[in-house]
């Protein structure tokens, strides 16, 4: 979660919790899940990992 805080929460300077609740899902879907590499997923993004799983299942 440190990455999330450093890349979105702190720089955005949210005023209220409702600001965070409104913007955060967009950040997670557009940035965090599509571009960020995760060590638990073999240094792949969650999107890339899910795509590979779908291909293996087919």
N, C-alpha and C. Protein backbone atom coordinates (compact mmCIF):
# COMPACT_ATOMS: atom_id res chain seq x y z
N UNK A 1 0.80 -1.19 0.00
CA UNK A 1 0.00 0.00 0.00
C UNK A 1 0.85 1.27 0.00
N UNK A 2 2.13 1.13 0.31
CA UNK A 2 3.00 2.31 0.31
C UNK A 2 3.01 2.95 -1.08
N UNK A 3 3.10 2.13 -2.11
CA UNK A 3 3.11 2.65 -3.48
C UNK A 3 1.85 3.44 -3.78
N UNK A 4 0.73 2.92 -3.38
CA UNK A 4 -0.54 3.59 -3.59
C UNK A 4 -0.54 4.96 -2.92
N UNK A 5 -0.07 5.01 -1.70
CA UNK A 5 -0.03 6.28 -0.98
C UNK A 5 0.92 7.27 -1.65
N UNK A 6 2.10 6.81 -2.01
CA UNK A 6 3.11 7.69 -2.59
C UNK A 6 2.72 8.16 -3.99
N UNK A 7 2.09 7.29 -4.79
CA UNK A 7 1.77 7.64 -6.17
C UNK A 7 0.43 8.35 -6.34
N UNK A 8 -0.48 8.22 -5.39
CA UNK A 8 -1.77 8.86 -5.58
C UNK A 8 -2.25 9.67 -4.37
N UNK A 9 -2.29 9.08 -3.22
CA UNK A 9 -2.90 9.74 -2.06
C UNK A 9 -2.15 11.02 -1.70
N UNK A 10 -0.85 10.94 -1.47
CA UNK A 10 -0.09 12.12 -1.04
C UNK A 10 -0.02 13.21 -2.12
N UNK A 11 0.31 12.87 -3.36
CA UNK A 11 0.41 13.94 -4.37
C UNK A 11 -0.93 14.62 -4.69
N UNK A 12 -2.02 13.88 -4.60
CA UNK A 12 -3.32 14.44 -4.96
C UNK A 12 -3.83 15.44 -3.93
N UNK A 13 -3.39 15.32 -2.70
CA UNK A 13 -3.81 16.25 -1.67
C UNK A 13 -5.31 16.26 -1.44
N UNK A 14 -5.88 15.09 -1.26
CA UNK A 14 -7.31 14.97 -1.04
C UNK A 14 -7.74 15.77 0.19
N UNK A 15 -8.90 16.38 0.11
CA UNK A 15 -9.43 17.17 1.20
C UNK A 15 -10.28 16.34 2.16
N UNK A 16 -11.09 15.44 1.61
CA UNK A 16 -12.01 14.66 2.44
C UNK A 16 -11.94 13.19 2.07
N UNK A 17 -12.51 12.37 2.93
CA UNK A 17 -12.56 10.94 2.65
C UNK A 17 -13.40 10.66 1.41
N UNK A 18 -14.45 11.43 1.19
CA UNK A 18 -15.29 11.21 0.00
C UNK A 18 -14.51 11.48 -1.28
N UNK A 19 -13.56 12.42 -1.25
CA UNK A 19 -12.68 12.65 -2.41
C UNK A 19 -11.87 11.39 -2.71
N UNK A 20 -11.33 10.80 -1.67
CA UNK A 20 -10.54 9.58 -1.83
C UNK A 20 -11.42 8.45 -2.35
N UNK A 21 -12.58 8.27 -1.76
CA UNK A 21 -13.48 7.19 -2.15
C UNK A 21 -13.93 7.34 -3.60
N UNK A 22 -14.02 8.55 -4.09
CA UNK A 22 -14.44 8.79 -5.46
C UNK A 22 -13.31 8.51 -6.46
N UNK A 23 -12.11 8.93 -6.15
CA UNK A 23 -10.98 8.86 -7.09
C UNK A 23 -10.21 7.55 -7.00
N UNK A 24 -10.12 6.96 -5.85
CA UNK A 24 -9.26 5.79 -5.64
C UNK A 24 -9.59 4.59 -6.54
N UNK A 25 -10.85 4.22 -6.72
CA UNK A 25 -11.12 3.07 -7.61
C UNK A 25 -10.60 3.29 -9.04
N UNK A 26 -10.68 4.51 -9.52
CA UNK A 26 -10.16 4.82 -10.85
C UNK A 26 -8.66 4.64 -10.89
N UNK A 27 -7.96 5.14 -9.89
CA UNK A 27 -6.50 4.98 -9.83
C UNK A 27 -6.12 3.50 -9.81
N UNK A 28 -6.81 2.73 -9.00
CA UNK A 28 -6.48 1.31 -8.86
C UNK A 28 -6.66 0.59 -10.19
N UNK A 29 -7.75 0.84 -10.88
CA UNK A 29 -8.01 0.16 -12.15
C UNK A 29 -7.11 0.65 -13.28
N UNK A 30 -6.91 1.95 -13.40
CA UNK A 30 -6.17 2.50 -14.53
C UNK A 30 -4.66 2.47 -14.36
N UNK A 31 -4.19 2.59 -13.15
CA UNK A 31 -2.74 2.66 -12.93
C UNK A 31 -2.22 1.43 -12.20
N UNK A 32 -2.73 1.21 -11.01
CA UNK A 32 -2.16 0.19 -10.14
C UNK A 32 -2.29 -1.22 -10.73
N UNK A 33 -3.45 -1.58 -11.23
CA UNK A 33 -3.64 -2.93 -11.75
C UNK A 33 -3.15 -3.11 -13.17
N UNK A 34 -3.00 -2.04 -13.91
CA UNK A 34 -2.58 -2.21 -15.29
C UNK A 34 -1.08 -2.05 -15.50
N UNK A 35 -0.42 -1.25 -14.68
CA UNK A 35 1.00 -0.96 -14.92
C UNK A 35 1.96 -1.41 -13.84
N UNK A 36 1.52 -1.44 -12.60
CA UNK A 36 2.42 -1.76 -11.50
C UNK A 36 2.80 -3.23 -11.51
N UNK A 37 4.07 -3.51 -11.32
CA UNK A 37 4.54 -4.89 -11.25
C UNK A 37 4.47 -5.36 -9.80
N UNK A 38 4.06 -6.61 -9.62
CA UNK A 38 3.90 -7.16 -8.28
C UNK A 38 4.79 -8.38 -8.13
N UNK A 39 5.61 -8.40 -7.10
CA UNK A 39 6.54 -9.51 -6.90
C UNK A 39 5.81 -10.83 -6.69
N UNK A 40 4.65 -10.80 -6.04
CA UNK A 40 3.89 -12.03 -5.80
C UNK A 40 3.35 -12.64 -7.10
N UNK A 41 3.32 -11.85 -8.16
CA UNK A 41 2.81 -12.32 -9.45
C UNK A 41 3.95 -12.54 -10.44
N UNK A 42 5.15 -12.72 -9.94
CA UNK A 42 6.29 -12.93 -10.81
C UNK A 42 6.72 -11.67 -11.53
N UNK A 43 6.58 -10.54 -10.87
CA UNK A 43 6.94 -9.22 -11.41
C UNK A 43 6.18 -8.93 -12.71
N UNK A 44 4.89 -9.24 -12.66
CA UNK A 44 3.98 -8.90 -13.75
C UNK A 44 2.86 -8.06 -13.17
N UNK A 45 2.19 -7.32 -14.03
CA UNK A 45 1.04 -6.55 -13.57
C UNK A 45 -0.13 -7.51 -13.37
N UNK A 46 -1.09 -7.15 -12.54
CA UNK A 46 -2.25 -8.00 -12.35
C UNK A 46 -2.99 -8.28 -13.66
N UNK A 47 -3.09 -7.29 -14.54
CA UNK A 47 -3.73 -7.51 -15.84
C UNK A 47 -2.99 -8.55 -16.65
N UNK A 48 -1.67 -8.43 -16.71
CA UNK A 48 -0.85 -9.38 -17.46
C UNK A 48 -0.99 -10.78 -16.87
N UNK A 49 -0.99 -10.88 -15.55
CA UNK A 49 -1.12 -12.15 -14.87
C UNK A 49 -2.46 -12.81 -15.19
N UNK A 50 -3.54 -12.04 -15.12
CA UNK A 50 -4.86 -12.58 -15.41
C UNK A 50 -4.99 -13.00 -16.87
N UNK A 51 -4.41 -12.23 -17.77
CA UNK A 51 -4.44 -12.59 -19.19
C UNK A 51 -3.74 -13.91 -19.42
N UNK A 52 -2.59 -14.09 -18.79
CA UNK A 52 -1.85 -15.34 -18.93
C UNK A 52 -2.64 -16.52 -18.36
N UNK A 53 -3.29 -16.33 -17.24
CA UNK A 53 -4.12 -17.39 -16.65
C UNK A 53 -5.27 -17.77 -17.59
N UNK A 54 -5.92 -16.76 -18.18
CA UNK A 54 -7.01 -17.02 -19.12
C UNK A 54 -6.53 -17.81 -20.31
N UNK A 55 -5.34 -17.48 -20.82
CA UNK A 55 -4.79 -18.18 -21.98
C UNK A 55 -4.46 -19.63 -21.64
N UNK A 56 -3.94 -19.86 -20.44
CA UNK A 56 -3.61 -21.21 -20.01
C UNK A 56 -4.86 -22.06 -19.81
N UNK A 57 -5.94 -21.42 -19.35
CA UNK A 57 -7.17 -22.15 -19.11
C UNK A 57 -7.90 -22.52 -20.41
N UNK A 58 -7.65 -21.76 -21.45
CA UNK A 58 -8.35 -21.99 -22.73
C UNK A 58 -7.76 -23.12 -23.52
